[in-house]
Amino acid sequence: MNFGNLSGMGGAVAGYISSPEGQDAVKKFLASPEGIALLQNFAGTPEGQKTMLSVLPNVIAGLNLPAGTADMIKGALGNQQ
C-alpha cells in the first residue's frame, strides 16, 4: 500500500505504524480473525503471493522445524521465484 496516496494522511499513518504503539496495533490486528482473513485474501493475489514468497524465508527461520526441513522449504521457494 502506498501511504502517500491517502489524501495527505499518508505521513501520519506511516508515522503511527512506525511507532511502537502502531506496530503493536498492527500485530494485534494481524493476529485477529479479521487480520488472518485479510492475509489469506491477500495471499491469493499475484501481488500477495510475491510478497509472501519474499517474507516466508524469515518466517521459516523463526520456526522450530526438524533439522533440514527449513533448508528443504527454502530450496523449494527458490524454485518458485
Protein backbone atom coordinates (compact mmCIF):
# COMPACT_ATOMS: atom_id res chain seq x y z
CA MET A 1 0.00 0.00 0.00
CA ASN A 2 1.27 3.43 -0.87
CA PHE A 3 0.64 5.59 2.20
CA GLY A 4 1.45 8.67 0.17
CA ASN A 5 -1.88 8.37 -1.63
CA LEU A 6 -4.20 8.70 1.37
CA SER A 7 -5.29 12.30 0.82
CA GLY A 8 -2.50 13.85 2.86
CA MET A 9 -2.88 11.37 5.71
CA GLY A 10 -0.07 9.15 4.42
CA GLY A 11 2.66 10.69 6.54
CA ALA A 12 0.57 10.48 9.70
CA VAL A 13 -0.37 6.85 9.02
CA ALA A 14 3.20 5.87 8.20
CA GLY A 15 4.43 7.66 11.32
CA TYR A 16 1.92 5.87 13.52
CA ILE A 17 2.71 2.47 12.01
CA SER A 18 6.43 3.04 12.57
CA SER A 19 5.87 3.86 16.25
CA PRO A 20 5.92 1.13 18.92
CA GLU A 21 2.21 1.70 19.59
CA GLY A 22 1.38 1.46 15.90
CA GLN A 23 3.42 -1.70 15.46
CA ASP A 24 1.65 -3.27 18.43
CA ALA A 25 -1.74 -2.32 16.94
CA VAL A 26 -0.78 -3.87 13.58
CA LYS A 27 0.43 -7.07 15.25
CA LYS A 28 -2.80 -7.36 17.25
CA PHE A 29 -4.87 -6.80 14.12
CA LEU A 30 -2.92 -9.38 12.08
CA ALA A 31 -3.43 -11.94 14.88
CA SER A 32 -7.20 -11.30 14.95
CA PRO A 33 -9.69 -13.29 12.83
CA GLU A 34 -10.15 -10.22 10.61
CA GLY A 35 -6.40 -9.84 10.15
CA ILE A 36 -5.95 -13.52 9.33
CA ALA A 37 -8.75 -13.29 6.76
CA LEU A 38 -7.11 -10.20 5.24
CA LEU A 39 -3.77 -12.04 4.94
CA GLN A 40 -5.43 -15.11 3.44
CA ASN A 41 -7.23 -12.99 0.84
CA PHE A 42 -4.06 -11.03 0.09
CA ALA A 43 -2.05 -14.26 -0.30
CA GLY A 44 -4.48 -15.30 -3.03
CA THR A 45 -3.50 -12.38 -5.27
CA PRO A 46 -0.41 -12.27 -7.51
CA GLU A 47 0.98 -9.32 -5.51
CA GLY A 48 0.28 -11.16 -2.26
CA GLN A 49 1.98 -14.32 -3.45
CA LYS A 50 5.07 -12.35 -4.44
CA THR A 51 5.10 -10.63 -1.05
CA MET A 52 4.59 -13.88 0.85
CA LEU A 53 7.43 -15.54 -1.06
CA SER A 54 9.71 -12.67 -0.05
CA VAL A 55 8.90 -12.89 3.70
CA LEU A 56 8.47 -16.65 4.03
CA PRO A 57 12.20 -17.43 4.45
CA ASN A 58 12.29 -15.19 7.55
CA VAL A 59 9.14 -16.80 8.92
CA ILE A 60 10.58 -20.26 8.36
CA ALA A 61 13.81 -19.30 10.09
CA GLY A 62 11.82 -18.39 13.20
CA LEU A 63 10.05 -21.75 13.44
CA ASN A 64 11.29 -24.75 15.38
CA LEU A 65 11.42 -27.19 12.47
CA PRO A 66 13.21 -30.55 12.33
CA ALA A 67 16.77 -30.46 11.03
CA GLY A 68 16.94 -29.96 7.27
CA THR A 69 13.28 -29.02 6.89
CA ALA A 70 13.88 -25.27 6.71
CA ASP A 71 16.55 -25.74 4.04
CA MET A 72 14.25 -28.02 2.04
CA ILE A 73 11.42 -25.45 2.15
CA LYS A 74 13.73 -22.56 1.29
CA GLY A 75 15.08 -24.56 -1.67
CA ALA A 76 11.54 -25.18 -2.92
CA LEU A 77 10.74 -21.47 -2.51
CA GLY A 78 13.76 -20.58 -4.60
CA ASN A 79 12.25 -22.55 -7.46
CA GLN A 80 9.01 -20.53 -7.21
CA GLN A 81 10.56 -17.10 -7.60
